């Protein structure tokens, strides 16, 4: 995914863009981001609900894929 496309998408909030960048960073270190909403929220200084809404919006905008592996929620950057 082209980071510039995400950063210049005016339909995304600043928080959604920061959440995307954190998922992107985690995906570069591993193949995906397995942090919980609580962990992401603490790291970014926002609520779990805000993280949940951000991930949902990023998923609906086709920037990330969200799925489960066992009991772990996984977020992964789409390679469009």
Protein backbone atom coordinates (compact mmCIF):
# COMPACT_ATOMS: atom_id res chain seq x y z
CA UNK A 1 0.00 0.00 0.00
CA UNK A 2 1.23 3.45 -0.84
CA UNK A 3 1.61 5.33 2.47
CA UNK A 4 1.17 8.65 0.67
CA UNK A 5 -2.30 7.54 -0.46
CA UNK A 6 -3.32 6.91 3.15
CA UNK A 7 -1.75 10.12 4.46
CA UNK A 8 -3.53 12.21 1.80
CA UNK A 9 -6.91 10.49 2.14
CA UNK A 10 -9.14 13.30 3.42
CA UNK A 11 -11.85 10.83 4.45
CA UNK A 12 -9.56 9.52 7.23
CA UNK A 13 -9.07 11.28 10.54
CA UNK A 14 -5.61 12.03 11.91
CA UNK A 15 -6.11 9.27 14.47
CA UNK A 16 -7.00 6.73 11.78
CA UNK A 17 -3.84 7.66 9.91
CA UNK A 18 -1.73 7.22 13.06
CA UNK A 19 -3.36 3.83 13.72
CA UNK A 20 -2.57 2.85 10.13
CA UNK A 21 1.06 3.88 10.59
CA UNK A 22 1.32 1.79 13.77
CA UNK A 23 -0.15 -1.26 11.98
CA UNK A 24 2.26 -0.56 9.11
CA UNK A 25 5.24 -0.36 11.50
CA UNK A 26 4.24 -3.57 13.28
CA UNK A 27 3.75 -5.27 9.92
CA UNK A 28 7.26 -4.30 8.86
CA UNK A 29 8.77 -5.79 12.04
CA UNK A 30 6.62 -8.93 11.74
CA UNK A 31 4.23 -9.86 8.98
CA UNK A 32 1.25 -8.34 10.79
CA UNK A 33 0.06 -6.43 13.86
CA UNK A 34 -1.33 -8.55 16.71
CA UNK A 35 -1.56 -5.80 19.34
CA UNK A 36 -4.89 -5.60 21.17
CA UNK A 37 -7.08 -2.52 21.04
CA UNK A 38 -6.05 -1.85 24.63
CA UNK A 39 -2.33 -2.03 23.78
CA UNK A 40 -2.74 0.19 20.72
CA UNK A 41 -4.85 2.63 22.71
CA UNK A 42 -2.27 2.92 25.49
CA UNK A 43 0.53 3.37 22.98
CA UNK A 44 -1.31 6.06 21.02
CA UNK A 45 -3.10 7.73 23.95
CA UNK A 46 -6.65 7.00 22.79
CA UNK A 47 -9.47 4.72 23.95
CA UNK A 48 -10.01 1.12 22.91
CA UNK A 49 -13.26 2.22 21.23
CA UNK A 50 -11.33 4.76 19.13
CA UNK A 51 -8.90 2.02 18.05
CA UNK A 52 -11.81 -0.26 17.18
CA UNK A 53 -13.51 2.45 15.09
CA UNK A 54 -10.22 3.31 13.38
CA UNK A 55 -9.45 -0.31 12.47
CA UNK A 56 -12.99 -0.76 11.17
CA UNK A 57 -12.74 2.37 8.99
CA UNK A 58 -9.30 1.33 7.66
CA UNK A 59 -10.67 -2.13 6.89
CA UNK A 60 -13.78 -0.75 5.13
CA UNK A 61 -11.52 1.61 3.16
CA UNK A 62 -9.52 -1.46 2.05
CA UNK A 63 -6.25 -0.22 3.58
CA UNK A 64 -5.94 -3.16 5.99
CA UNK A 65 -7.24 -6.68 6.40
CA UNK A 66 -8.45 -7.77 9.83
CA UNK A 67 -8.89 -11.45 10.68
CA UNK A 68 -8.40 -13.88 13.55
CA UNK A 69 -5.82 -16.59 14.02
CA UNK A 70 -7.06 -18.73 16.89
CA UNK A 71 -7.97 -16.22 19.59
CA UNK A 72 -5.71 -13.44 18.26
CA UNK A 73 -7.01 -10.57 16.14
CA UNK A 74 -4.60 -9.77 13.34
CA UNK A 75 -4.36 -6.59 11.27
CA UNK A 76 -2.35 -6.64 8.08
CA UNK A 77 -1.54 -3.97 5.49
CA UNK A 78 -3.14 -4.56 2.08
CA UNK A 79 -0.67 -4.58 -0.79
CA UNK A 80 -2.73 -2.67 -3.38
